Amino acid sequence: MRKLTYLVACSIDGFIGDSDGDASFMYPFVVGDFAEYLNTEHPDTNPTHVRRLVGTDGLENKDYDTVVQGRASYDVALKEGITSPYARLREYVASRTLTESPDPNVEIISDDLVGKIRELKAEDGRLGIYLCGIYLCGGSAVAGALVDEIDELIIKTYPIVLGTGMPMFGSGFALSEFTLDGVRTFDNGVLVRTYGRKR
């Protein structure tokens, strides 16, 4: 069974963006040893245009062969004229309003998101002997809908407090337990915590 990993950047108080989902104020933190960590440990999670900029576009997929994101996350790329932001991965966009995909590499999931994720998790997903996972890119509503399907959380906490904004999980109250698997700190104050679902 393949893992669904929600790898997300957030503020100290757990917001992934402002109330409209804009997270551009976090970009200045992607420097130094933290940028190096992202490029070496999580290159698959960089959008295609970023991979080209940092010189990792030619690398084979390391951890993921599939990405799932919500309409608001996908719109960030569309506004820049990018219809396939993760071209090296199979791309799925969960949306009830986007009826037709603007790119042949992007499949729209318009209903039964949980069922589709379970189907993807049940796939072989192997690159040689290595089992590739599924990268949940965001956003808040999709993560909330899939909270029971998430196997791993990788939370990049930036040293800022927003006070209000878009929460990491846009869902009603439900207790989901995870175990802490690792913590890394970086020179710019970013903290990366990895959690596995408690089964």
N, C-alpha and C. Protein backbone atom coordinates (compact mmCIF):
# COMPACT_ATOMS: atom_id res chain seq x y z
N MET A 1 0.84 -1.19 0.00
CA MET A 1 0.00 0.00 0.00
C MET A 1 0.88 1.25 0.00
N ARG A 2 0.60 2.15 -0.91
CA ARG A 2 1.40 3.37 -1.01
C ARG A 2 0.97 4.40 0.03
N LYS A 3 1.91 5.27 0.41
CA LYS A 3 1.63 6.31 1.39
C LYS A 3 1.13 7.58 0.72
N LEU A 4 0.19 8.24 1.39
CA LEU A 4 -0.20 9.60 1.03
C LEU A 4 0.48 10.52 2.03
N THR A 5 1.33 11.41 1.52
CA THR A 5 2.11 12.32 2.36
C THR A 5 1.66 13.76 2.13
N TYR A 6 1.26 14.41 3.20
CA TYR A 6 0.92 15.83 3.15
C TYR A 6 2.15 16.59 3.58
N LEU A 7 2.86 17.16 2.60
CA LEU A 7 4.06 17.96 2.85
C LEU A 7 3.65 19.41 2.66
N VAL A 8 3.72 20.18 3.74
CA VAL A 8 3.10 21.50 3.73
C VAL A 8 3.93 22.50 4.51
N ALA A 9 3.90 23.75 4.07
CA ALA A 9 4.54 24.85 4.79
C ALA A 9 3.48 25.60 5.56
N CYS A 10 3.81 26.00 6.80
CA CYS A 10 2.84 26.73 7.60
C CYS A 10 3.54 27.69 8.55
N SER A 11 2.72 28.56 9.13
CA SER A 11 3.21 29.49 10.16
C SER A 11 3.28 28.75 11.50
N ILE A 12 3.84 29.38 12.50
CA ILE A 12 3.91 28.79 13.84
C ILE A 12 2.52 28.45 14.35
N ASP A 13 1.54 29.30 13.99
CA ASP A 13 0.18 29.07 14.47
C ASP A 13 -0.67 28.26 13.50
N GLY A 14 -0.04 27.55 12.58
CA GLY A 14 -0.72 26.53 11.79
C GLY A 14 -1.47 26.97 10.56
N PHE A 15 -1.13 28.15 10.01
CA PHE A 15 -1.79 28.61 8.80
C PHE A 15 -0.89 28.41 7.59
N ILE A 16 -1.48 27.96 6.48
CA ILE A 16 -0.70 27.69 5.27
C ILE A 16 -0.74 28.86 4.29
N GLY A 17 -1.45 29.88 4.62
CA GLY A 17 -1.53 31.08 3.81
C GLY A 17 -2.47 32.07 4.47
N ASP A 18 -2.64 33.23 3.82
CA ASP A 18 -3.61 34.18 4.35
C ASP A 18 -5.01 33.67 4.06
N SER A 19 -6.02 34.44 4.37
CA SER A 19 -7.40 33.95 4.23
C SER A 19 -7.76 33.61 2.79
N ASP A 20 -7.02 34.15 1.81
CA ASP A 20 -7.23 33.82 0.40
C ASP A 20 -6.32 32.69 -0.07
N GLY A 21 -5.46 32.21 0.82
CA GLY A 21 -4.55 31.12 0.47
C GLY A 21 -3.20 31.57 -0.04
N ASP A 22 -2.96 32.87 -0.12
CA ASP A 22 -1.67 33.38 -0.60
C ASP A 22 -0.59 33.08 0.44
N ALA A 23 0.48 32.40 0.00
CA ALA A 23 1.58 32.06 0.90
C ALA A 23 2.90 32.64 0.41
N SER A 24 2.85 33.63 -0.46
CA SER A 24 4.07 34.16 -1.06
C SER A 24 5.01 34.79 -0.02
N PHE A 25 4.47 35.20 1.13
CA PHE A 25 5.31 35.78 2.17
C PHE A 25 6.24 34.74 2.79
N MET A 26 6.02 33.45 2.51
CA MET A 26 6.89 32.40 3.03
C MET A 26 8.11 32.17 2.13
N TYR A 27 8.03 32.60 0.88
CA TYR A 27 9.10 32.31 -0.09
C TYR A 27 10.49 32.78 0.35
N PRO A 28 10.62 33.95 1.02
CA PRO A 28 11.97 34.38 1.41
C PRO A 28 12.69 33.43 2.37
N PHE A 29 11.96 32.51 2.99
CA PHE A 29 12.60 31.57 3.91
C PHE A 29 13.28 30.40 3.18
N VAL A 30 13.01 30.25 1.90
CA VAL A 30 13.57 29.11 1.14
C VAL A 30 14.96 29.49 0.64
N VAL A 31 15.91 29.52 1.56
CA VAL A 31 17.29 29.90 1.29
C VAL A 31 18.23 29.02 2.11
N GLY A 32 19.51 29.10 1.79
CA GLY A 32 20.56 28.47 2.59
C GLY A 32 20.40 26.98 2.76
N ASP A 33 20.66 26.51 3.98
CA ASP A 33 20.63 25.07 4.23
C ASP A 33 19.21 24.50 4.10
N PHE A 34 18.19 25.32 4.31
CA PHE A 34 16.82 24.86 4.13
C PHE A 34 16.51 24.62 2.67
N ALA A 35 16.92 25.52 1.79
CA ALA A 35 16.73 25.34 0.35
C ALA A 35 17.47 24.09 -0.13
N GLU A 36 18.67 23.88 0.38
CA GLU A 36 19.45 22.69 0.02
C GLU A 36 18.74 21.42 0.46
N TYR A 37 18.17 21.45 1.66
CA TYR A 37 17.40 20.31 2.16
C TYR A 37 16.22 19.99 1.23
N LEU A 38 15.47 21.01 0.85
CA LEU A 38 14.32 20.78 -0.03
C LEU A 38 14.75 20.20 -1.37
N ASN A 39 15.84 20.70 -1.91
CA ASN A 39 16.30 20.26 -3.23
C ASN A 39 16.89 18.85 -3.22
N THR A 40 17.45 18.44 -2.07
CA THR A 40 18.04 17.10 -2.01
C THR A 40 17.09 16.06 -1.42
N GLU A 41 16.33 16.45 -0.40
CA GLU A 41 15.45 15.50 0.28
C GLU A 41 14.05 15.42 -0.32
N HIS A 42 13.57 16.51 -0.91
CA HIS A 42 12.20 16.53 -1.44
C HIS A 42 12.14 17.17 -2.83
N PRO A 43 13.00 16.75 -3.77
CA PRO A 43 13.01 17.41 -5.09
C PRO A 43 11.70 17.22 -5.86
N ASP A 44 11.00 16.11 -5.62
CA ASP A 44 9.76 15.84 -6.35
C ASP A 44 8.66 16.86 -6.03
N THR A 45 8.77 17.51 -4.87
CA THR A 45 7.71 18.44 -4.45
C THR A 45 7.93 19.84 -5.01
N ASN A 46 9.04 20.06 -5.68
CA ASN A 46 9.25 21.34 -6.35
C ASN A 46 8.50 21.35 -7.67
N PRO A 47 7.77 22.42 -7.96
CA PRO A 47 7.13 22.51 -9.27
C PRO A 47 8.18 22.48 -10.39
N THR A 48 7.74 22.14 -11.58
CA THR A 48 8.64 21.97 -12.72
C THR A 48 9.51 23.19 -12.95
N HIS A 49 8.93 24.39 -12.91
CA HIS A 49 9.72 25.60 -13.19
C HIS A 49 10.78 25.84 -12.11
N VAL A 50 10.50 25.43 -10.86
CA VAL A 50 11.49 25.56 -9.79
C VAL A 50 12.60 24.53 -9.98
N ARG A 51 12.23 23.31 -10.37
CA ARG A 51 13.25 22.29 -10.63
C ARG A 51 14.23 22.75 -11.69
N ARG A 52 13.72 23.43 -12.72
CA ARG A 52 14.62 23.95 -13.76
C ARG A 52 15.55 25.00 -13.19
N LEU A 53 15.01 25.88 -12.36
CA LEU A 53 15.81 26.97 -11.78
C LEU A 53 16.93 26.45 -10.89
N VAL A 54 16.66 25.40 -10.11
CA VAL A 54 17.65 24.91 -9.13
C VAL A 54 18.48 23.75 -9.67
N GLY A 55 18.22 23.34 -10.91
CA GLY A 55 19.05 22.32 -11.54
C GLY A 55 18.74 20.89 -11.16
N THR A 56 17.50 20.62 -10.71
CA THR A 56 17.14 19.24 -10.35
C THR A 56 16.15 18.62 -11.33
N ASP A 57 15.91 19.31 -12.46
CA ASP A 57 14.90 18.83 -13.41
C ASP A 57 15.27 17.48 -14.03
N GLY A 58 16.56 17.20 -14.15
CA GLY A 58 16.98 15.96 -14.78
C GLY A 58 17.00 14.76 -13.84
N LEU A 59 16.75 14.98 -12.56
CA LEU A 59 16.79 13.87 -11.60
C LEU A 59 15.57 12.98 -11.73
N GLU A 60 15.77 11.70 -11.46
CA GLU A 60 14.64 10.78 -11.41
C GLU A 60 13.78 11.09 -10.20
N ASN A 61 12.51 10.72 -10.26
CA ASN A 61 11.64 10.90 -9.10
C ASN A 61 12.23 10.14 -7.91
N LYS A 62 12.22 10.78 -6.75
CA LYS A 62 12.84 10.21 -5.56
C LYS A 62 11.82 9.53 -4.65
N ASP A 63 10.72 10.20 -4.36
CA ASP A 63 9.74 9.70 -3.40
C ASP A 63 8.33 9.55 -3.94
N TYR A 64 7.98 10.35 -4.94
CA TYR A 64 6.60 10.40 -5.41
C TYR A 64 6.51 10.25 -6.92
N ASP A 65 5.40 9.66 -7.37
CA ASP A 65 5.12 9.64 -8.80
C ASP A 65 3.77 10.28 -9.11
N THR A 66 3.08 10.74 -8.05
CA THR A 66 1.73 11.29 -8.18
C THR A 66 1.59 12.48 -7.25
N VAL A 67 0.88 13.51 -7.71
CA VAL A 67 0.58 14.67 -6.88
C VAL A 67 -0.92 14.94 -6.91
N VAL A 68 -1.47 15.31 -5.77
CA VAL A 68 -2.89 15.67 -5.65
C VAL A 68 -2.95 17.06 -5.04
N GLN A 69 -3.74 17.93 -5.65
CA GLN A 69 -3.91 19.27 -5.09
C GLN A 69 -5.33 19.75 -5.33
N GLY A 70 -5.70 20.78 -4.59
CA GLY A 70 -7.02 21.37 -4.74
C GLY A 70 -7.03 22.44 -5.81
N ARG A 71 -8.21 22.92 -6.09
CA ARG A 71 -8.39 23.92 -7.14
C ARG A 71 -7.64 25.22 -6.82
N ALA A 72 -7.70 25.68 -5.57
CA ALA A 72 -7.03 26.93 -5.21
C ALA A 72 -5.51 26.82 -5.39
N SER A 73 -4.95 25.67 -5.00
CA SER A 73 -3.51 25.46 -5.19
C SER A 73 -3.16 25.43 -6.67
N TYR A 74 -3.98 24.75 -7.45
CA TYR A 74 -3.75 24.66 -8.89
C TYR A 74 -3.88 26.03 -9.55
N ASP A 75 -4.79 26.86 -9.06
CA ASP A 75 -4.99 28.18 -9.64
C ASP A 75 -3.74 29.06 -9.55
N VAL A 76 -2.91 28.82 -8.53
CA VAL A 76 -1.66 29.58 -8.40
C VAL A 76 -0.83 29.41 -9.67
N ALA A 77 -0.74 28.16 -10.16
CA ALA A 77 0.00 27.89 -11.40
C ALA A 77 -0.74 28.44 -12.62
N LEU A 78 -2.04 28.21 -12.67
CA LEU A 78 -2.82 28.67 -13.83
C LEU A 78 -2.71 30.18 -14.04
N LYS A 79 -2.67 30.94 -12.95
CA LYS A 79 -2.54 32.39 -13.06
C LYS A 79 -1.23 32.79 -13.72
N GLU A 80 -0.23 31.91 -13.65
CA GLU A 80 1.07 32.16 -14.29
C GLU A 80 1.15 31.52 -15.68
N GLY A 81 0.03 30.97 -16.14
CA GLY A 81 0.01 30.34 -17.46
C GLY A 81 0.58 28.93 -17.47
N ILE A 82 0.74 28.33 -16.29
CA ILE A 82 1.30 26.98 -16.17
C ILE A 82 0.14 26.00 -15.97
N THR A 83 -0.07 25.11 -16.94
CA THR A 83 -1.19 24.17 -16.83
C THR A 83 -0.77 22.83 -16.25
N SER A 84 0.54 22.55 -16.24
CA SER A 84 1.04 21.30 -15.66
C SER A 84 2.20 21.62 -14.73
N PRO A 85 1.90 22.06 -13.49
CA PRO A 85 2.96 22.52 -12.60
C PRO A 85 3.91 21.43 -12.11
N TYR A 86 3.48 20.17 -12.13
CA TYR A 86 4.33 19.06 -11.69
C TYR A 86 4.43 18.05 -12.83
N ALA A 87 5.06 18.46 -13.91
CA ALA A 87 5.04 17.67 -15.14
C ALA A 87 5.72 16.31 -15.00
N ARG A 88 6.60 16.14 -14.03
CA ARG A 88 7.28 14.85 -13.85
C ARG A 88 6.44 13.86 -13.04
N LEU A 89 5.29 14.32 -12.55
CA LEU A 89 4.40 13.47 -11.76
C LEU A 89 3.06 13.34 -12.46
N ARG A 90 2.29 12.31 -12.09
CA ARG A 90 0.90 12.26 -12.52
C ARG A 90 0.16 13.28 -11.67
N GLU A 91 -0.62 14.13 -12.30
CA GLU A 91 -1.24 15.24 -11.59
C GLU A 91 -2.75 15.07 -11.51
N TYR A 92 -3.26 15.24 -10.28
CA TYR A 92 -4.70 15.21 -10.04
C TYR A 92 -5.09 16.49 -9.34
N VAL A 93 -6.19 17.08 -9.78
CA VAL A 93 -6.72 18.28 -9.14
C VAL A 93 -8.14 17.98 -8.68
N ALA A 94 -8.37 18.15 -7.38
CA ALA A 94 -9.70 17.94 -6.83
C ALA A 94 -10.49 19.23 -6.98
N SER A 95 -11.56 19.17 -7.78
CA SER A 95 -12.35 20.37 -8.02
C SER A 95 -13.76 20.01 -8.46
N ARG A 96 -14.74 20.68 -7.87
CA ARG A 96 -16.13 20.51 -8.31
C ARG A 96 -16.50 21.57 -9.35
N THR A 97 -15.65 22.59 -9.50
CA THR A 97 -15.97 23.69 -10.41
C THR A 97 -15.19 23.65 -11.72
N LEU A 98 -14.01 23.03 -11.71
CA LEU A 98 -13.22 22.90 -12.93
C LEU A 98 -13.68 21.65 -13.66
N THR A 99 -14.47 21.83 -14.70
CA THR A 99 -15.12 20.69 -15.34
C THR A 99 -14.24 20.02 -16.39
N GLU A 100 -13.32 20.78 -16.96
CA GLU A 100 -12.46 20.22 -18.01
C GLU A 100 -11.01 20.56 -17.70
N SER A 101 -10.12 19.58 -17.87
CA SER A 101 -8.71 19.80 -17.59
C SER A 101 -8.09 20.65 -18.70
N PRO A 102 -7.28 21.66 -18.32
CA PRO A 102 -6.60 22.47 -19.32
C PRO A 102 -5.31 21.83 -19.84
N ASP A 103 -4.98 20.62 -19.35
CA ASP A 103 -3.73 19.97 -19.74
C ASP A 103 -3.92 18.46 -19.77
N PRO A 104 -3.36 17.77 -20.77
CA PRO A 104 -3.52 16.31 -20.82
C PRO A 104 -2.86 15.56 -19.68
N ASN A 105 -1.90 16.20 -18.96
CA ASN A 105 -1.22 15.55 -17.84
C ASN A 105 -1.99 15.72 -16.52
N VAL A 106 -3.07 16.50 -16.54
CA VAL A 106 -3.81 16.81 -15.32
C VAL A 106 -5.20 16.19 -15.40
N GLU A 107 -5.53 15.35 -14.41
CA GLU A 107 -6.85 14.74 -14.34
C GLU A 107 -7.65 15.41 -13.22
N ILE A 108 -8.89 15.75 -13.52
CA ILE A 108 -9.75 16.39 -12.55
C ILE A 108 -10.51 15.32 -11.77
N ILE A 109 -10.51 15.45 -10.44
CA ILE A 109 -11.32 14.58 -9.58
C ILE A 109 -12.50 15.43 -9.12
N SER A 110 -13.68 15.18 -9.68
CA SER A 110 -14.83 16.03 -9.38
C SER A 110 -15.74 15.45 -8.30
N ASP A 111 -15.62 14.13 -8.05
CA ASP A 111 -16.41 13.54 -6.98
C ASP A 111 -15.68 12.32 -6.41
N ASP A 112 -16.08 11.87 -5.25
CA ASP A 112 -15.49 10.73 -4.54
C ASP A 112 -13.96 10.83 -4.46
N LEU A 113 -13.50 11.95 -3.90
CA LEU A 113 -12.07 12.17 -3.73
C LEU A 113 -11.44 11.06 -2.89
N VAL A 114 -12.08 10.68 -1.80
CA VAL A 114 -11.54 9.64 -0.92
C VAL A 114 -11.41 8.33 -1.68
N GLY A 115 -12.43 7.97 -2.46
CA GLY A 115 -12.38 6.75 -3.26
C GLY A 115 -11.24 6.75 -4.25
N LYS A 116 -11.00 7.89 -4.90
CA LYS A 116 -9.90 8.00 -5.86
C LYS A 116 -8.55 7.86 -5.17
N ILE A 117 -8.41 8.47 -4.00
CA ILE A 117 -7.14 8.37 -3.26
C ILE A 117 -6.89 6.92 -2.83
N ARG A 118 -7.93 6.25 -2.37
CA ARG A 118 -7.77 4.84 -2.00
C ARG A 118 -7.37 4.00 -3.20
N GLU A 119 -7.90 4.31 -4.34
CA GLU A 119 -7.53 3.61 -5.58
C GLU A 119 -6.06 3.85 -5.91
N LEU A 120 -5.62 5.09 -5.79
CA LEU A 120 -4.22 5.43 -6.08
C LEU A 120 -3.27 4.77 -5.07
N LYS A 121 -3.69 4.73 -3.80
CA LYS A 121 -2.85 4.12 -2.78
C LYS A 121 -2.71 2.61 -2.99
N ALA A 122 -3.72 2.00 -3.60
CA ALA A 122 -3.70 0.55 -3.81
C ALA A 122 -2.89 0.15 -5.04
N GLU A 123 -2.49 1.12 -5.87
CA GLU A 123 -1.69 0.80 -7.05
C GLU A 123 -0.31 0.27 -6.65
N ASP A 124 0.33 -0.39 -7.59
CA ASP A 124 1.68 -0.90 -7.35
C ASP A 124 2.64 0.26 -7.12
N GLY A 125 2.67 1.22 -8.04
CA GLY A 125 3.47 2.43 -7.86
C GLY A 125 4.95 2.21 -7.72
N ARG A 126 5.48 1.18 -8.34
CA ARG A 126 6.90 0.87 -8.15
C ARG A 126 7.77 1.46 -9.26
N LEU A 127 8.92 1.99 -8.84
CA LEU A 127 10.00 2.35 -9.76
C LEU A 127 11.13 1.38 -9.44
N GLY A 128 11.24 0.33 -10.23
CA GLY A 128 12.18 -0.73 -9.89
C GLY A 128 11.69 -1.45 -8.65
N ILE A 129 12.53 -1.45 -7.61
CA ILE A 129 12.12 -2.09 -6.36
C ILE A 129 11.57 -1.08 -5.34
N TYR A 130 11.56 0.20 -5.73
CA TYR A 130 11.18 1.26 -4.81
C TYR A 130 9.71 1.60 -4.97
N LEU A 131 9.00 1.73 -3.88
CA LEU A 131 7.58 2.06 -3.89
C LEU A 131 7.41 3.58 -3.77
N CYS A 132 6.89 4.19 -4.83
CA CYS A 132 6.68 5.64 -4.84
C CYS A 132 5.37 6.00 -4.17
N GLY A 133 5.38 7.11 -3.47
CA GLY A 133 4.19 7.56 -2.76
C GLY A 133 3.42 8.62 -3.52
N ILE A 134 2.42 9.17 -2.83
CA ILE A 134 1.55 10.19 -3.39
C ILE A 134 1.75 11.46 -2.57
N TYR A 135 2.04 12.55 -3.25
CA TYR A 135 2.30 13.83 -2.62
C TYR A 135 1.01 14.65 -2.60
N LEU A 136 0.53 14.96 -1.40
CA LEU A 136 -0.61 15.85 -1.24
C LEU A 136 -0.07 17.26 -1.10
N CYS A 137 -0.28 18.05 -2.13
CA CYS A 137 0.26 19.40 -2.21
C CYS A 137 -0.59 20.40 -1.44
N GLY A 138 -1.84 20.13 -1.28
CA GLY A 138 -2.77 21.06 -0.63
C GLY A 138 -3.99 21.21 -1.51
N GLY A 139 -4.87 22.02 -1.10
CA GLY A 139 -4.78 22.91 0.03
C GLY A 139 -5.61 22.45 1.22
N SER A 140 -6.08 23.44 1.93
CA SER A 140 -6.73 23.23 3.21
C SER A 140 -7.97 22.33 3.13
N ALA A 141 -8.86 22.61 2.20
CA ALA A 141 -10.11 21.83 2.09
C ALA A 141 -9.83 20.40 1.67
N VAL A 142 -8.90 20.21 0.74
CA VAL A 142 -8.54 18.86 0.28
C VAL A 142 -7.89 18.08 1.41
N ALA A 143 -6.98 18.71 2.14
CA ALA A 143 -6.35 18.04 3.29
C ALA A 143 -7.38 17.67 4.34
N GLY A 144 -8.35 18.56 4.56
CA GLY A 144 -9.40 18.25 5.52
C GLY A 144 -10.24 17.07 5.09
N ALA A 145 -10.56 17.01 3.79
CA ALA A 145 -11.35 15.89 3.27
C ALA A 145 -10.60 14.58 3.34
N LEU A 146 -9.26 14.65 3.27
CA LEU A 146 -8.44 13.45 3.21
C LEU A 146 -7.71 13.14 4.51
N VAL A 147 -8.05 13.81 5.59
CA VAL A 147 -7.29 13.66 6.83
C VAL A 147 -7.20 12.20 7.27
N ASP A 148 -8.23 11.41 7.05
CA ASP A 148 -8.20 10.00 7.47
C ASP A 148 -7.36 9.13 6.53
N GLU A 149 -7.02 9.66 5.35
CA GLU A 149 -6.22 8.90 4.38
C GLU A 149 -4.74 9.25 4.45
N ILE A 150 -4.40 10.32 5.14
CA ILE A 150 -3.01 10.77 5.20
C ILE A 150 -2.20 9.83 6.09
N ASP A 151 -1.11 9.31 5.53
CA ASP A 151 -0.24 8.38 6.25
C ASP A 151 0.96 9.06 6.88
N GLU A 152 1.35 10.20 6.30
CA GLU A 152 2.55 10.89 6.77
C GLU A 152 2.35 12.39 6.63
N LEU A 153 2.79 13.12 7.64
CA LEU A 153 2.80 14.59 7.61
C LEU A 153 4.24 15.06 7.65
N ILE A 154 4.60 15.93 6.73
CA ILE A 154 5.89 16.62 6.79
C ILE A 154 5.56 18.10 6.83
N ILE A 155 5.75 18.69 8.00
CA ILE A 155 5.32 20.07 8.23
C ILE A 155 6.54 20.98 8.33
N LYS A 156 6.63 21.90 7.38
CA LYS A 156 7.69 22.91 7.37
C LYS A 156 7.14 24.14 8.09
N THR A 157 7.56 24.35 9.33
CA THR A 157 7.05 25.46 10.11
C THR A 157 7.99 26.65 9.99
N TYR A 158 7.45 27.77 9.48
CA TYR A 158 8.24 28.97 9.28
C TYR A 158 8.12 29.86 10.52
N PRO A 159 9.17 30.61 10.87
CA PRO A 159 9.18 31.38 12.12
C PRO A 159 8.37 32.67 12.03
N ILE A 160 7.08 32.53 11.74
CA ILE A 160 6.18 33.67 11.65
C ILE A 160 4.85 33.29 12.28
N VAL A 161 4.13 34.30 12.77
CA VAL A 161 2.79 34.12 13.30
C VAL A 161 1.85 34.99 12.47
N LEU A 162 0.76 34.41 11.99
CA LEU A 162 -0.19 35.15 11.15
C LEU A 162 -1.40 35.64 11.94
N GLY A 163 -1.80 34.92 12.96
CA GLY A 163 -2.97 35.32 13.72
C GLY A 163 -4.27 34.82 13.13
N THR A 164 -4.36 34.80 11.82
CA THR A 164 -5.53 34.28 11.12
C THR A 164 -5.09 33.90 9.71
N GLY A 165 -5.91 33.12 9.04
CA GLY A 165 -5.57 32.72 7.68
C GLY A 165 -6.20 31.39 7.32
N MET A 166 -5.60 30.73 6.34
CA MET A 166 -6.10 29.43 5.88
C MET A 166 -5.46 28.34 6.72
N PRO A 167 -6.27 27.52 7.42
CA PRO A 167 -5.69 26.50 8.29
C PRO A 167 -5.09 25.34 7.51
N MET A 168 -4.22 24.61 8.16
CA MET A 168 -3.59 23.45 7.54
C MET A 168 -4.63 22.40 7.12
N PHE A 169 -5.66 22.22 7.92
CA PHE A 169 -6.76 21.30 7.63
C PHE A 169 -8.08 22.05 7.72
N GLY A 170 -8.75 22.18 6.60
CA GLY A 170 -10.06 22.81 6.58
C GLY A 170 -11.13 21.76 6.79
N SER A 171 -11.38 21.43 8.05
CA SER A 171 -12.36 20.38 8.34
C SER A 171 -12.97 20.63 9.71
N GLY A 172 -14.04 19.91 10.00
CA GLY A 172 -14.63 19.99 11.33
C GLY A 172 -13.76 19.28 12.34
N PHE A 173 -14.15 19.35 13.59
CA PHE A 173 -13.35 18.75 14.65
C PHE A 173 -13.35 17.22 14.52
N ALA A 174 -12.16 16.66 14.50
CA ALA A 174 -11.98 15.21 14.50
C ALA A 174 -10.58 14.94 15.03
N LEU A 175 -10.46 14.01 15.93
CA LEU A 175 -9.17 13.69 16.52
C LEU A 175 -8.45 12.65 15.67
N SER A 176 -7.28 13.02 15.15
CA SER A 176 -6.44 12.10 14.37
C SER A 176 -5.06 12.10 14.99
N GLU A 177 -4.60 10.95 15.43
CA GLU A 177 -3.31 10.87 16.11
C GLU A 177 -2.18 10.47 15.17
N PHE A 178 -1.06 11.16 15.34
CA PHE A 178 0.16 10.86 14.60
C PHE A 178 1.30 10.74 15.60
N THR A 179 2.35 10.03 15.22
CA THR A 179 3.54 9.91 16.05
C THR A 179 4.68 10.69 15.43
N LEU A 180 5.47 11.35 16.25
CA LEU A 180 6.59 12.14 15.78
C LEU A 180 7.73 11.21 15.37
N ASP A 181 8.15 11.31 14.11
CA ASP A 181 9.23 10.47 13.60
C ASP A 181 10.55 11.20 13.47
N GLY A 182 10.51 12.52 13.40
CA GLY A 182 11.77 13.25 13.26
C GLY A 182 11.57 14.75 13.26
N VAL A 183 12.64 15.48 13.66
CA VAL A 183 12.63 16.94 13.68
C VAL A 183 13.96 17.43 13.14
N ARG A 184 13.90 18.44 12.26
CA ARG A 184 15.12 19.07 11.77
C ARG A 184 14.98 20.57 11.91
N THR A 185 16.06 21.22 12.27
CA THR A 185 16.05 22.68 12.37
C THR A 185 17.04 23.26 11.37
N PHE A 186 16.80 24.51 10.97
CA PHE A 186 17.63 25.14 9.96
C PHE A 186 18.05 26.54 10.41
N ASP A 187 19.09 27.04 9.77
CA ASP A 187 19.71 28.31 10.18
C ASP A 187 18.74 29.48 10.15
N ASN A 188 17.75 29.44 9.26
CA ASN A 188 16.82 30.56 9.14
C ASN A 188 15.63 30.46 10.09
N GLY A 189 15.65 29.48 11.00
CA GLY A 189 14.58 29.34 11.97
C GLY A 189 13.47 28.40 11.56
N VAL A 190 13.54 27.83 10.34
CA VAL A 190 12.53 26.87 9.90
C VAL A 190 12.71 25.56 10.65
N LEU A 191 11.60 24.95 11.01
CA LEU A 191 11.56 23.67 11.70
C LEU A 191 10.77 22.70 10.84
N VAL A 192 11.32 21.51 10.57
CA VAL A 192 10.61 20.50 9.79
C VAL A 192 10.35 19.30 10.68
N ARG A 193 9.07 18.99 10.87
CA ARG A 193 8.66 17.83 11.68
C ARG A 193 8.03 16.79 10.76
N THR A 194 8.39 15.53 10.99
CA THR A 194 7.80 14.43 10.24
C THR A 194 7.01 13.55 11.20
N TYR A 195 5.77 13.27 10.82
CA TYR A 195 4.88 12.44 11.63
C TYR A 195 4.34 11.29 10.80
N GLY A 196 4.16 10.15 11.44
CA GLY A 196 3.48 9.01 10.84
C GLY A 196 2.16 8.81 11.52
N ARG A 197 1.17 8.35 10.77
CA ARG A 197 -0.15 8.12 11.37
C ARG A 197 -0.07 7.01 12.40
N LYS A 198 -0.69 7.23 13.53
CA LYS A 198 -0.75 6.22 14.57
C LYS A 198 -1.86 5.24 14.22
N ARG A 199 -1.50 4.00 13.97
CA ARG A 199 -2.48 2.98 13.55
C ARG A 199 -2.87 2.12 14.72
